[in-house]
Amino acid sequence: MGVKVESGGDDEGVTGEGDVPSAGAGAAPAGASASSESLGYEQARDELIDVVRRLEAGGTTLEESLALWERGEVLAKVCRRWLEGARARLDAALSAEG
């Protein structure tokens, strides 16, 4: 299985269906991967778990390890955006109640 590394973007503004973007989120910058942008939280989390397992197992070249690390960073940002969106939605719902 090859590792695809996206560079040049930090996945700002990654959202999914029904997701409320966090404050300051805008369009994804040039170079951001469409595949990373469309990942749901669970998909990104599961792929991140796989990346971590592969890094911990070792046996990869330095170049492969760096590619895995970079992919993990992208996936972690996707997860963080989803969690920030969920937090914003929860905060909005709680403030509407009270």
Protein backbone atom coordinates (compact mmCIF):
# COMPACT_ATOMS: atom_id res chain seq x y z
CA MET A 1 0.00 0.00 0.00
CA GLY A 2 1.52 3.32 -1.05
CA VAL A 3 1.39 6.38 1.11
CA LYS A 4 0.07 9.55 -0.47
CA VAL A 5 1.47 12.71 1.09
CA GLU A 6 -0.27 16.02 0.67
CA SER A 7 1.90 19.06 1.02
CA GLY A 8 1.33 22.76 0.88
CA GLY A 9 -1.93 22.77 2.82
CA ASP A 10 -2.93 22.54 6.40
CA ASP A 11 -6.55 21.52 5.82
CA GLU A 12 -8.00 24.75 7.21
CA GLY A 13 -11.75 24.77 6.99
CA VAL A 14 -12.19 21.01 6.72
CA THR A 15 -15.84 20.29 7.31
CA GLY A 16 -18.26 17.53 6.56
CA GLU A 17 -21.98 17.30 5.96
CA GLY A 18 -23.85 18.83 8.87
CA ASP A 19 -20.62 20.09 10.43
CA VAL A 20 -20.50 23.61 11.77
CA PRO A 21 -17.11 25.14 10.91
CA SER A 22 -15.14 26.51 13.81
CA ALA A 23 -14.63 30.25 14.06
CA GLY A 24 -12.26 31.56 11.44
CA ALA A 25 -12.58 28.52 9.20
CA GLY A 26 -12.64 29.32 5.52
CA ALA A 27 -12.09 27.61 2.23
CA ALA A 28 -9.32 25.06 2.03
CA PRO A 29 -6.03 26.52 0.80
CA ALA A 30 -4.47 25.67 -2.51
CA GLY A 31 -2.72 22.31 -2.32
CA ALA A 32 -5.05 20.82 0.28
CA SER A 33 -6.11 17.32 -0.66
CA ALA A 34 -9.73 16.85 -1.67
CA SER A 35 -9.58 13.34 -0.24
CA SER A 36 -8.48 14.64 3.16
CA GLU A 37 -11.17 17.33 3.09
CA SER A 38 -13.91 14.80 2.46
CA LEU A 39 -12.89 12.40 5.23
CA GLY A 40 -15.33 11.96 8.05
CA TYR A 41 -14.09 11.96 11.62
CA GLU A 42 -14.21 8.17 11.98
CA GLN A 43 -12.42 7.62 8.67
CA ALA A 44 -9.64 10.07 9.57
CA ARG A 45 -9.32 8.61 13.08
CA ASP A 46 -9.11 5.04 11.78
CA GLU A 47 -6.50 5.95 9.18
CA LEU A 48 -4.53 7.86 11.82
CA ILE A 49 -4.57 4.78 14.07
CA ASP A 50 -3.21 2.73 11.17
CA VAL A 51 -0.47 5.29 10.51
CA VAL A 52 0.58 5.23 14.18
CA ARG A 53 0.65 1.42 14.22
CA ARG A 54 2.83 1.34 11.13
CA LEU A 55 5.25 3.89 12.60
CA GLU A 56 5.42 2.02 15.90
CA ALA A 57 6.01 -1.30 14.16
CA GLY A 58 9.08 0.07 12.41
CA GLY A 59 10.67 -1.63 9.45
CA THR A 60 10.09 1.31 7.11
CA THR A 61 12.70 3.45 5.45
CA LEU A 62 13.35 6.96 6.66
CA GLU A 63 11.52 8.35 3.64
CA GLU A 64 8.49 6.11 4.27
CA SER A 65 8.49 7.05 7.93
CA LEU A 66 8.55 10.75 7.08
CA ALA A 67 5.67 10.28 4.61
CA LEU A 68 3.67 8.43 7.26
CA TRP A 69 4.38 11.13 9.82
CA GLU A 70 3.26 13.87 7.42
CA ARG A 71 0.06 11.96 6.60
CA GLY A 72 -0.57 11.54 10.31
CA GLU A 73 -0.26 15.29 10.82
CA VAL A 74 -2.86 15.91 8.09
CA LEU A 75 -5.20 13.31 9.59
CA ALA A 76 -4.81 14.75 13.09
CA LYS A 77 -5.81 18.19 11.76
CA VAL A 78 -8.89 16.70 10.09
CA CYS A 79 -9.88 15.07 13.39
CA ARG A 80 -9.24 18.29 15.30
CA ARG A 81 -11.48 20.27 12.90
CA TRP A 82 -14.31 17.76 13.32
CA LEU A 83 -14.00 17.91 17.10
CA GLU A 84 -13.90 21.72 17.09
CA GLY A 85 -17.03 21.74 14.92
CA ALA A 86 -18.78 19.35 17.29
CA ARG A 87 -17.79 21.51 20.25
CA ALA A 88 -19.14 24.63 18.52
CA ARG A 89 -22.44 22.89 17.78
CA LEU A 90 -22.74 21.72 21.37
CA ASP A 91 -21.93 25.18 22.73
CA ALA A 92 -24.52 26.73 20.39
CA ALA A 93 -27.19 24.23 21.48
CA LEU A 94 -26.44 24.81 25.16
CA SER A 95 -26.50 28.60 24.82
CA ALA A 96 -29.83 28.42 22.93
CA GLU A 97 -31.35 26.53 25.86
CA GLY A 98 -30.32 29.00 28.48
